[in-house]
N, C-alpha and C. Protein backbone atom coordinates (compact mmCIF):
# COMPACT_ATOMS: atom_id res chain seq x y z
N MET A 1 -6.59 0.46 -23.26
CA MET A 1 -7.75 0.51 -22.25
C MET A 1 -7.23 0.24 -20.83
N PHE A 2 -7.60 1.02 -19.92
CA PHE A 2 -7.18 0.95 -18.52
C PHE A 2 -7.93 -0.23 -17.80
N ARG A 3 -7.11 -1.02 -17.09
CA ARG A 3 -7.66 -2.10 -16.25
C ARG A 3 -7.38 -1.86 -14.73
N ILE A 4 -6.52 -0.94 -14.48
CA ILE A 4 -6.05 -0.68 -13.10
C ILE A 4 -6.02 0.84 -12.92
N ILE A 5 -6.48 1.28 -11.74
CA ILE A 5 -6.31 2.75 -11.35
C ILE A 5 -5.57 2.65 -10.02
N THR A 6 -4.44 3.38 -9.95
CA THR A 6 -3.70 3.50 -8.74
C THR A 6 -3.87 4.90 -8.19
N LEU A 7 -4.05 5.02 -6.92
CA LEU A 7 -4.25 6.28 -6.25
C LEU A 7 -3.11 6.56 -5.32
N GLU A 8 -2.37 7.62 -5.48
CA GLU A 8 -1.46 8.08 -4.52
C GLU A 8 -2.15 9.29 -3.90
N ARG A 9 -1.80 9.54 -2.58
CA ARG A 9 -2.54 10.62 -1.93
C ARG A 9 -1.80 11.22 -0.83
N GLU A 10 -2.18 12.43 -0.48
CA GLU A 10 -1.73 13.09 0.74
C GLU A 10 -2.63 12.62 1.91
N TYR A 11 -2.06 12.55 3.05
CA TYR A 11 -2.79 11.99 4.18
C TYR A 11 -3.91 13.02 4.53
N GLY A 12 -5.10 12.42 4.70
CA GLY A 12 -6.25 13.23 5.11
C GLY A 12 -7.02 13.86 3.94
N CYS A 13 -6.68 13.61 2.70
CA CYS A 13 -7.26 14.32 1.59
C CYS A 13 -8.68 13.72 1.24
N GLY A 14 -9.00 12.62 1.82
CA GLY A 14 -10.32 11.96 1.49
C GLY A 14 -10.25 10.85 0.44
N CYS A 15 -9.03 10.35 0.24
CA CYS A 15 -8.81 9.31 -0.73
C CYS A 15 -9.62 8.05 -0.55
N ALA A 16 -9.80 7.62 0.68
CA ALA A 16 -10.45 6.39 0.92
C ALA A 16 -11.93 6.40 0.42
N ARG A 17 -12.61 7.50 0.67
CA ARG A 17 -13.97 7.69 0.21
C ARG A 17 -14.02 7.78 -1.38
N ILE A 18 -13.11 8.50 -1.94
CA ILE A 18 -13.09 8.64 -3.34
C ILE A 18 -12.76 7.29 -4.02
N ALA A 19 -11.81 6.57 -3.44
CA ALA A 19 -11.45 5.27 -4.03
C ALA A 19 -12.63 4.28 -3.89
N LYS A 20 -13.37 4.31 -2.76
CA LYS A 20 -14.51 3.43 -2.65
C LYS A 20 -15.60 3.76 -3.66
N GLN A 21 -15.91 5.02 -3.83
CA GLN A 21 -16.87 5.47 -4.82
C GLN A 21 -16.52 5.06 -6.22
N LEU A 22 -15.23 5.25 -6.52
CA LEU A 22 -14.74 4.92 -7.86
C LEU A 22 -14.86 3.41 -8.15
N ALA A 23 -14.42 2.62 -7.21
CA ALA A 23 -14.53 1.17 -7.34
C ALA A 23 -15.98 0.77 -7.55
N GLU A 24 -16.85 1.35 -6.74
CA GLU A 24 -18.32 0.96 -6.80
C GLU A 24 -18.85 1.30 -8.17
N ARG A 25 -18.56 2.52 -8.66
CA ARG A 25 -19.08 2.98 -9.90
C ARG A 25 -18.60 2.17 -11.14
N LEU A 26 -17.35 1.67 -11.06
CA LEU A 26 -16.72 0.90 -12.07
C LEU A 26 -17.05 -0.57 -11.91
N HIS A 27 -17.58 -0.98 -10.76
CA HIS A 27 -17.76 -2.37 -10.36
C HIS A 27 -16.43 -3.04 -10.37
N TRP A 28 -15.40 -2.47 -9.85
CA TRP A 28 -14.07 -3.00 -9.79
C TRP A 28 -13.79 -3.33 -8.29
N LYS A 29 -12.79 -4.16 -8.13
CA LYS A 29 -12.31 -4.46 -6.78
C LYS A 29 -11.48 -3.34 -6.13
N LEU A 30 -11.75 -3.02 -4.89
CA LEU A 30 -11.02 -1.93 -4.21
C LEU A 30 -9.96 -2.61 -3.35
N TRP A 31 -8.75 -2.26 -3.64
CA TRP A 31 -7.55 -2.72 -2.84
C TRP A 31 -7.02 -1.53 -1.99
N ASP A 32 -7.63 -1.34 -0.83
CA ASP A 32 -7.19 -0.34 0.14
C ASP A 32 -6.94 -1.12 1.39
N HIS A 33 -7.99 -1.24 2.19
CA HIS A 33 -7.83 -2.11 3.47
C HIS A 33 -7.68 -3.48 3.13
N LEU A 34 -8.22 -3.97 2.03
CA LEU A 34 -8.08 -5.33 1.59
C LEU A 34 -6.58 -5.67 1.38
N LEU A 35 -5.78 -4.68 0.92
CA LEU A 35 -4.37 -4.87 0.75
C LEU A 35 -3.64 -5.13 2.04
N THR A 36 -4.08 -4.37 3.07
CA THR A 36 -3.49 -4.56 4.42
C THR A 36 -3.82 -5.93 4.90
N GLU A 37 -5.11 -6.35 4.73
CA GLU A 37 -5.53 -7.71 5.11
C GLU A 37 -4.72 -8.82 4.43
N GLU A 38 -4.50 -8.65 3.17
CA GLU A 38 -3.80 -9.64 2.37
C GLU A 38 -2.38 -9.77 2.80
N ILE A 39 -1.71 -8.62 3.13
CA ILE A 39 -0.34 -8.67 3.57
C ILE A 39 -0.27 -9.33 4.95
N ALA A 40 -1.16 -8.99 5.82
CA ALA A 40 -1.25 -9.61 7.17
C ALA A 40 -1.45 -11.14 7.09
N LYS A 41 -2.28 -11.51 6.15
CA LYS A 41 -2.55 -13.00 6.02
C LYS A 41 -1.26 -13.66 5.59
N GLN A 42 -0.61 -13.11 4.58
CA GLN A 42 0.55 -13.78 4.02
C GLN A 42 1.77 -13.79 5.03
N ALA A 43 1.84 -12.66 5.83
CA ALA A 43 2.88 -12.55 6.79
C ALA A 43 2.59 -13.26 8.11
N ASN A 44 1.38 -13.70 8.20
CA ASN A 44 0.89 -14.37 9.52
C ASN A 44 1.06 -13.39 10.64
N VAL A 45 0.64 -12.15 10.44
CA VAL A 45 0.58 -11.09 11.55
C VAL A 45 -0.72 -10.46 11.51
N ASP A 46 -1.07 -9.68 12.49
CA ASP A 46 -2.37 -8.98 12.55
C ASP A 46 -2.31 -7.71 11.70
N CYS A 47 -3.43 -7.25 11.34
CA CYS A 47 -3.58 -6.04 10.48
C CYS A 47 -2.90 -4.81 11.18
N GLY A 48 -3.02 -4.72 12.50
CA GLY A 48 -2.39 -3.60 13.22
C GLY A 48 -0.91 -3.57 13.00
N THR A 49 -0.26 -4.73 12.96
CA THR A 49 1.20 -4.80 12.79
C THR A 49 1.53 -4.25 11.34
N VAL A 50 0.67 -4.63 10.34
CA VAL A 50 0.93 -4.15 9.01
C VAL A 50 0.75 -2.68 8.92
N GLU A 51 -0.38 -2.18 9.48
CA GLU A 51 -0.63 -0.71 9.49
C GLU A 51 0.46 0.12 10.06
N GLN A 52 1.13 -0.45 11.13
CA GLN A 52 2.27 0.32 11.74
C GLN A 52 3.46 0.50 10.77
N ARG A 53 3.56 -0.39 9.86
CA ARG A 53 4.71 -0.40 8.97
C ARG A 53 4.43 0.09 7.56
N GLU A 54 3.16 0.28 7.22
CA GLU A 54 2.82 0.64 5.86
C GLU A 54 3.42 2.03 5.49
N GLU A 55 4.02 2.03 4.33
CA GLU A 55 4.60 3.22 3.73
C GLU A 55 5.60 3.96 4.66
N LYS A 56 6.34 3.17 5.42
CA LYS A 56 7.39 3.72 6.32
C LYS A 56 8.57 2.88 6.17
N ILE A 57 9.75 3.45 6.31
CA ILE A 57 10.97 2.60 6.38
C ILE A 57 11.24 2.23 7.80
N ASP A 58 12.03 1.18 8.01
CA ASP A 58 12.42 0.82 9.37
C ASP A 58 13.37 1.80 9.90
N SER A 59 13.51 1.87 11.18
CA SER A 59 14.35 2.87 11.88
C SER A 59 15.85 2.63 11.44
N THR A 60 16.62 3.61 11.58
CA THR A 60 18.05 3.55 11.25
C THR A 60 18.73 2.49 12.08
N PHE A 61 18.38 2.48 13.40
CA PHE A 61 18.96 1.58 14.27
C PHE A 61 18.67 0.07 13.87
N TYR A 62 17.37 -0.12 13.51
CA TYR A 62 16.99 -1.49 13.08
C TYR A 62 17.77 -1.84 11.87
N ARG A 63 17.87 -0.93 10.82
CA ARG A 63 18.50 -1.24 9.59
C ARG A 63 20.07 -1.53 9.84
N LEU A 64 20.64 -0.79 10.74
CA LEU A 64 22.10 -1.02 11.08
C LEU A 64 22.24 -2.38 11.75
N ALA A 65 21.32 -2.66 12.69
CA ALA A 65 21.40 -3.96 13.44
C ALA A 65 21.23 -5.03 12.45
N LYS A 66 20.36 -4.91 11.48
CA LYS A 66 20.11 -5.98 10.49
C LYS A 66 21.40 -6.17 9.66
N VAL A 67 22.10 -5.12 9.24
CA VAL A 67 23.37 -5.27 8.52
C VAL A 67 24.37 -6.02 9.30
N PHE A 68 24.55 -5.69 10.56
CA PHE A 68 25.49 -6.28 11.38
C PHE A 68 25.17 -7.81 11.65
N TRP A 69 23.84 -8.01 11.85
CA TRP A 69 23.43 -9.37 12.06
C TRP A 69 23.68 -10.25 10.90
N ARG A 70 23.46 -9.76 9.71
CA ARG A 70 23.72 -10.53 8.48
C ARG A 70 25.21 -10.83 8.33
N GLY A 71 26.09 -9.92 8.86
CA GLY A 71 27.50 -10.13 8.62
C GLY A 71 28.20 -10.80 9.78
N SER A 72 27.45 -11.08 10.84
CA SER A 72 28.06 -11.63 11.99
C SER A 72 28.45 -13.12 11.88
N TYR A 73 29.34 -13.58 12.74
CA TYR A 73 29.79 -14.95 12.68
C TYR A 73 28.57 -15.85 13.02
N GLU A 74 27.84 -15.51 14.05
CA GLU A 74 26.71 -16.34 14.47
C GLU A 74 25.70 -16.48 13.38
N HIS A 75 25.45 -15.46 12.60
CA HIS A 75 24.46 -15.56 11.52
C HIS A 75 24.98 -16.45 10.49
N GLY A 76 26.27 -16.63 10.31
CA GLY A 76 26.80 -17.50 9.26
C GLY A 76 26.66 -18.99 9.64
N MET A 77 26.34 -19.24 10.86
CA MET A 77 26.11 -20.74 11.26
C MET A 77 24.77 -21.15 10.77
N PRO A 78 24.73 -22.49 10.34
CA PRO A 78 23.50 -22.99 9.87
C PRO A 78 22.41 -23.16 10.97
N MET A 79 21.37 -22.38 10.84
CA MET A 79 20.28 -22.51 11.82
C MET A 79 19.01 -21.90 11.16
N ALA A 80 17.92 -22.33 11.61
CA ALA A 80 16.67 -21.82 11.05
C ALA A 80 16.46 -20.42 11.38
N GLU A 81 16.16 -19.58 10.43
CA GLU A 81 15.98 -18.14 10.75
C GLU A 81 14.51 -17.80 10.49
N PRO A 82 13.87 -17.26 11.50
CA PRO A 82 12.41 -16.97 11.29
C PRO A 82 12.34 -15.77 10.36
N GLN A 83 11.30 -15.74 9.59
CA GLN A 83 10.99 -14.63 8.67
C GLN A 83 10.62 -13.45 9.48
N THR A 84 11.43 -12.40 9.39
CA THR A 84 11.13 -11.15 10.11
C THR A 84 10.20 -10.29 9.27
N PHE A 85 9.13 -9.81 9.93
CA PHE A 85 8.22 -8.88 9.22
C PHE A 85 8.69 -7.50 9.47
N ASP A 86 9.38 -7.00 8.47
CA ASP A 86 9.89 -5.64 8.47
C ASP A 86 9.47 -4.92 7.19
N ALA A 87 9.91 -3.70 7.02
CA ALA A 87 9.59 -2.94 5.83
C ALA A 87 10.02 -3.71 4.58
N ASP A 88 11.26 -4.24 4.58
CA ASP A 88 11.79 -4.96 3.37
C ASP A 88 10.83 -6.15 3.03
N CYS A 89 10.47 -6.83 4.03
CA CYS A 89 9.60 -8.01 3.76
C CYS A 89 8.25 -7.59 3.27
N MET A 90 7.71 -6.51 3.88
CA MET A 90 6.39 -6.04 3.46
C MET A 90 6.43 -5.52 1.98
N VAL A 91 7.48 -4.87 1.58
CA VAL A 91 7.56 -4.35 0.23
C VAL A 91 7.64 -5.56 -0.75
N ARG A 92 8.40 -6.60 -0.40
CA ARG A 92 8.45 -7.76 -1.29
C ARG A 92 7.06 -8.38 -1.43
N MET A 93 6.33 -8.49 -0.24
CA MET A 93 5.02 -9.01 -0.36
C MET A 93 4.10 -8.13 -1.20
N MET A 94 4.23 -6.87 -1.02
CA MET A 94 3.37 -5.89 -1.79
C MET A 94 3.64 -5.99 -3.26
N GLU A 95 4.89 -6.18 -3.61
CA GLU A 95 5.27 -6.32 -5.02
C GLU A 95 4.56 -7.58 -5.63
N ASN A 96 4.62 -8.68 -4.91
CA ASN A 96 3.95 -9.94 -5.36
C ASN A 96 2.47 -9.78 -5.47
N ILE A 97 1.83 -9.13 -4.45
CA ILE A 97 0.41 -8.91 -4.45
C ILE A 97 -0.02 -8.06 -5.56
N THR A 98 0.75 -6.94 -5.78
CA THR A 98 0.49 -5.98 -6.81
C THR A 98 0.52 -6.67 -8.18
N GLY A 99 1.46 -7.56 -8.37
CA GLY A 99 1.58 -8.29 -9.61
C GLY A 99 0.37 -9.13 -9.88
N ARG A 100 -0.17 -9.80 -8.82
CA ARG A 100 -1.42 -10.55 -8.97
C ARG A 100 -2.63 -9.68 -9.30
N ILE A 101 -2.64 -8.50 -8.61
CA ILE A 101 -3.76 -7.57 -8.82
C ILE A 101 -3.73 -7.15 -10.29
N ALA A 102 -2.56 -6.86 -10.77
CA ALA A 102 -2.49 -6.43 -12.24
C ALA A 102 -2.95 -7.53 -13.18
N GLN A 103 -2.53 -8.76 -12.90
CA GLN A 103 -3.00 -9.85 -13.77
C GLN A 103 -4.51 -9.95 -13.84
N GLU A 104 -5.13 -9.82 -12.63
CA GLU A 104 -6.63 -9.86 -12.56
C GLU A 104 -7.22 -8.70 -13.22
N GLY A 105 -6.72 -7.50 -13.06
CA GLY A 105 -7.26 -6.22 -13.60
C GLY A 105 -8.50 -5.82 -12.90
N ASN A 106 -9.18 -4.81 -13.44
CA ASN A 106 -10.41 -4.26 -12.89
C ASN A 106 -10.23 -3.95 -11.41
N ALA A 107 -9.26 -3.17 -11.12
CA ALA A 107 -8.84 -2.90 -9.65
C ALA A 107 -8.51 -1.42 -9.43
N VAL A 108 -8.95 -0.90 -8.30
CA VAL A 108 -8.60 0.37 -7.82
C VAL A 108 -7.67 0.10 -6.63
N VAL A 109 -6.42 0.54 -6.74
CA VAL A 109 -5.44 0.31 -5.68
C VAL A 109 -4.92 1.59 -5.00
N VAL A 110 -5.01 1.66 -3.76
CA VAL A 110 -4.58 2.78 -3.01
C VAL A 110 -3.19 2.66 -2.44
N GLY A 111 -2.29 3.49 -2.87
CA GLY A 111 -0.95 3.63 -2.28
C GLY A 111 -0.18 2.36 -2.09
N ARG A 112 0.64 2.35 -0.99
CA ARG A 112 1.45 1.19 -0.55
C ARG A 112 2.42 0.70 -1.67
N GLY A 113 2.87 1.66 -2.42
CA GLY A 113 3.88 1.32 -3.44
C GLY A 113 3.34 0.91 -4.78
N ALA A 114 2.06 0.61 -4.85
CA ALA A 114 1.41 0.11 -6.07
C ALA A 114 1.65 1.03 -7.23
N PRO A 115 1.52 2.36 -7.12
CA PRO A 115 1.80 3.22 -8.31
C PRO A 115 3.20 3.00 -8.84
N TYR A 116 4.16 2.69 -8.05
CA TYR A 116 5.55 2.49 -8.48
C TYR A 116 5.85 1.06 -9.02
N PHE A 117 5.20 0.11 -8.38
CA PHE A 117 5.35 -1.21 -8.98
C PHE A 117 4.69 -1.33 -10.30
N LEU A 118 3.61 -0.56 -10.59
CA LEU A 118 2.92 -0.66 -11.83
C LEU A 118 3.21 0.47 -12.86
N ARG A 119 4.20 1.26 -12.55
CA ARG A 119 4.48 2.49 -13.32
C ARG A 119 4.77 2.22 -14.78
N GLU A 120 5.26 1.05 -15.14
CA GLU A 120 5.59 0.76 -16.53
C GLU A 120 4.39 0.20 -17.35
N ARG A 121 3.32 -0.10 -16.68
CA ARG A 121 2.20 -0.79 -17.37
C ARG A 121 1.32 0.30 -18.13
N SER A 122 1.06 -0.04 -19.40
CA SER A 122 0.21 0.90 -20.16
C SER A 122 -1.30 0.75 -19.85
N ASP A 123 -1.64 -0.22 -19.09
CA ASP A 123 -3.09 -0.41 -18.76
C ASP A 123 -3.43 0.14 -17.38
N THR A 124 -2.50 0.94 -16.80
CA THR A 124 -2.64 1.55 -15.48
C THR A 124 -2.85 3.04 -15.54
N PHE A 125 -3.84 3.53 -14.98
CA PHE A 125 -4.09 4.97 -14.89
C PHE A 125 -3.78 5.46 -13.47
N ARG A 126 -2.83 6.37 -13.42
CA ARG A 126 -2.31 6.89 -12.11
C ARG A 126 -2.88 8.23 -11.77
N VAL A 127 -3.36 8.28 -10.49
CA VAL A 127 -3.99 9.54 -9.95
C VAL A 127 -3.28 9.93 -8.72
N PHE A 128 -3.02 11.20 -8.49
CA PHE A 128 -2.54 11.80 -7.22
C PHE A 128 -3.54 12.68 -6.67
N LEU A 129 -3.97 12.45 -5.42
CA LEU A 129 -5.06 13.23 -4.73
C LEU A 129 -4.45 14.05 -3.64
N TYR A 130 -4.84 15.26 -3.59
CA TYR A 130 -4.33 16.17 -2.52
C TYR A 130 -5.41 17.18 -2.13
N ALA A 131 -5.13 17.85 -0.99
CA ALA A 131 -6.10 18.86 -0.49
C ALA A 131 -5.33 19.88 0.29
N PRO A 132 -5.91 21.12 0.47
CA PRO A 132 -5.22 22.11 1.35
C PRO A 132 -5.06 21.54 2.72
N ARG A 133 -3.98 21.96 3.44
CA ARG A 133 -3.70 21.50 4.77
C ARG A 133 -4.89 21.68 5.70
N SER A 134 -5.51 22.82 5.61
CA SER A 134 -6.68 23.10 6.54
C SER A 134 -7.85 22.17 6.31
N GLU A 135 -8.06 21.74 5.01
CA GLU A 135 -9.15 20.75 4.71
C GLU A 135 -8.73 19.40 5.27
N LYS A 136 -7.49 19.04 5.12
CA LYS A 136 -7.11 17.72 5.63
C LYS A 136 -7.23 17.64 7.20
N VAL A 137 -6.86 18.76 7.86
CA VAL A 137 -6.97 18.77 9.34
C VAL A 137 -8.48 18.71 9.64
N ARG A 138 -9.32 19.50 8.91
CA ARG A 138 -10.74 19.52 9.21
C ARG A 138 -11.42 18.11 9.04
N ARG A 139 -10.99 17.39 7.99
CA ARG A 139 -11.51 16.08 7.79
C ARG A 139 -11.17 15.15 8.97
N LEU A 140 -9.84 15.19 9.43
CA LEU A 140 -9.40 14.31 10.49
C LEU A 140 -10.16 14.67 11.78
N ILE A 141 -10.35 15.92 12.04
CA ILE A 141 -11.08 16.36 13.31
C ILE A 141 -12.55 15.90 13.17
N GLY A 142 -13.10 15.96 11.99
CA GLY A 142 -14.40 15.47 11.73
C GLY A 142 -14.58 14.00 11.96
N ASN A 143 -13.50 13.30 11.87
CA ASN A 143 -13.51 11.78 12.10
C ASN A 143 -13.10 11.44 13.50
N GLY A 144 -13.05 12.49 14.43
CA GLY A 144 -12.80 12.24 15.85
C GLY A 144 -11.36 12.42 16.29
N THR A 145 -10.47 12.78 15.44
CA THR A 145 -9.05 13.00 15.78
C THR A 145 -8.87 14.35 16.46
N PRO A 146 -8.34 14.44 17.70
CA PRO A 146 -8.08 15.75 18.31
C PRO A 146 -7.27 16.63 17.37
N GLN A 147 -7.43 18.00 17.49
CA GLN A 147 -6.83 18.87 16.57
C GLN A 147 -5.31 18.81 16.51
N VAL A 148 -4.71 18.76 17.72
CA VAL A 148 -3.21 18.71 17.77
C VAL A 148 -2.65 17.45 17.04
N GLU A 149 -3.36 16.34 17.35
CA GLU A 149 -2.98 15.08 16.65
C GLU A 149 -3.19 15.07 15.16
N ALA A 150 -4.35 15.74 14.80
CA ALA A 150 -4.65 15.84 13.34
C ALA A 150 -3.53 16.66 12.60
N GLU A 151 -3.13 17.76 13.24
CA GLU A 151 -2.13 18.61 12.62
C GLU A 151 -0.80 17.86 12.55
N ASP A 152 -0.44 17.11 13.60
CA ASP A 152 0.75 16.33 13.63
C ASP A 152 0.78 15.26 12.54
N LEU A 153 -0.40 14.54 12.35
CA LEU A 153 -0.49 13.48 11.33
C LEU A 153 -0.34 14.08 9.88
N VAL A 154 -1.00 15.18 9.68
CA VAL A 154 -0.99 15.83 8.38
C VAL A 154 0.49 16.21 8.10
N ASP A 155 1.26 16.71 9.05
CA ASP A 155 2.58 17.12 8.83
C ASP A 155 3.56 15.95 8.76
N ASN A 156 3.33 14.86 9.37
CA ASN A 156 4.33 13.83 9.52
C ASN A 156 4.08 12.59 8.52
N VAL A 157 2.85 12.19 8.33
CA VAL A 157 2.60 10.97 7.52
C VAL A 157 3.12 11.06 6.12
N ASP A 158 2.85 12.29 5.49
CA ASP A 158 3.32 12.48 4.12
C ASP A 158 4.81 12.50 4.03
N ARG A 159 5.48 13.03 5.02
CA ARG A 159 6.91 13.01 5.07
C ARG A 159 7.50 11.60 5.18
N GLU A 160 6.85 10.80 5.98
CA GLU A 160 7.28 9.37 6.10
C GLU A 160 7.03 8.64 4.74
N ARG A 161 5.93 8.98 4.03
CA ARG A 161 5.64 8.34 2.76
C ARG A 161 6.72 8.79 1.73
N MET A 162 7.12 10.05 1.74
CA MET A 162 8.19 10.56 0.83
C MET A 162 9.49 9.75 0.98
N ILE A 163 9.86 9.56 2.26
CA ILE A 163 11.07 8.82 2.61
C ILE A 163 10.97 7.40 2.13
N PHE A 164 9.79 6.79 2.34
CA PHE A 164 9.60 5.39 1.92
C PHE A 164 9.72 5.28 0.43
N ILE A 165 9.02 6.20 -0.31
CA ILE A 165 9.14 6.09 -1.84
C ILE A 165 10.52 6.40 -2.30
N LYS A 166 11.24 7.30 -1.71
CA LYS A 166 12.60 7.55 -2.09
C LYS A 166 13.51 6.36 -1.83
N HIS A 167 13.31 5.77 -0.65
CA HIS A 167 14.18 4.59 -0.26
C HIS A 167 13.90 3.37 -1.09
N TYR A 168 12.67 3.04 -1.32
CA TYR A 168 12.36 1.73 -2.00
C TYR A 168 12.28 1.88 -3.57
N PHE A 169 11.94 3.05 -4.04
CA PHE A 169 11.69 3.21 -5.45
C PHE A 169 12.59 4.24 -6.15
N ASN A 170 13.40 4.91 -5.30
CA ASN A 170 14.29 5.96 -5.83
C ASN A 170 13.52 6.97 -6.64
N ALA A 171 12.38 7.32 -6.19
CA ALA A 171 11.51 8.30 -6.93
C ALA A 171 11.07 9.39 -5.92
N ASP A 172 10.71 10.44 -6.55
CA ASP A 172 10.15 11.58 -5.73
C ASP A 172 8.67 11.45 -5.70
N CYS A 173 8.06 11.78 -4.63
CA CYS A 173 6.57 11.81 -4.50
C CYS A 173 6.03 12.87 -5.51
N PRO A 174 4.79 12.67 -6.02
CA PRO A 174 4.19 13.68 -6.84
C PRO A 174 4.08 14.97 -6.04
N THR A 175 4.13 16.08 -6.69
CA THR A 175 3.90 17.42 -5.91
C THR A 175 2.74 18.06 -6.68
N ARG A 176 2.24 19.01 -5.99
CA ARG A 176 1.02 19.75 -6.52
C ARG A 176 1.38 20.51 -7.70
């Protein structure tokens, strides 16, 4: 019996509305924006900071600087190191939160790595949502996004998600 539904999606396909309706019909908890809020609370940052980093890897420059910093003489000295909120930190938090969600069950979880964290569970039903490019652009324009920006978002957000999934889960995104 399924206790968890994970939704992967293409940007602009209408997943948020579908996930909300699904959770309401099943009387299950919806983990979409709630997931962003939970990560922000645990990281002690605002939701906007989390949203900027969701399903994206850190820049190459940042990752190189992090490697050098970890190997530097100064970093080897004993001193308090503040917890940096970066993609690695967020993925660790997401894994912990997803584990909690799985224990509770009766949850609809949208993206953010959840389908990959829960991929071995037999009580998880996995769904991939997509739409034609023209429909995704139309939806975004209908929500007030200018056409050029809508086209740019449709073209780039999914590419960033694919890179994120490959980097953290060594997996390929679902395809149509």
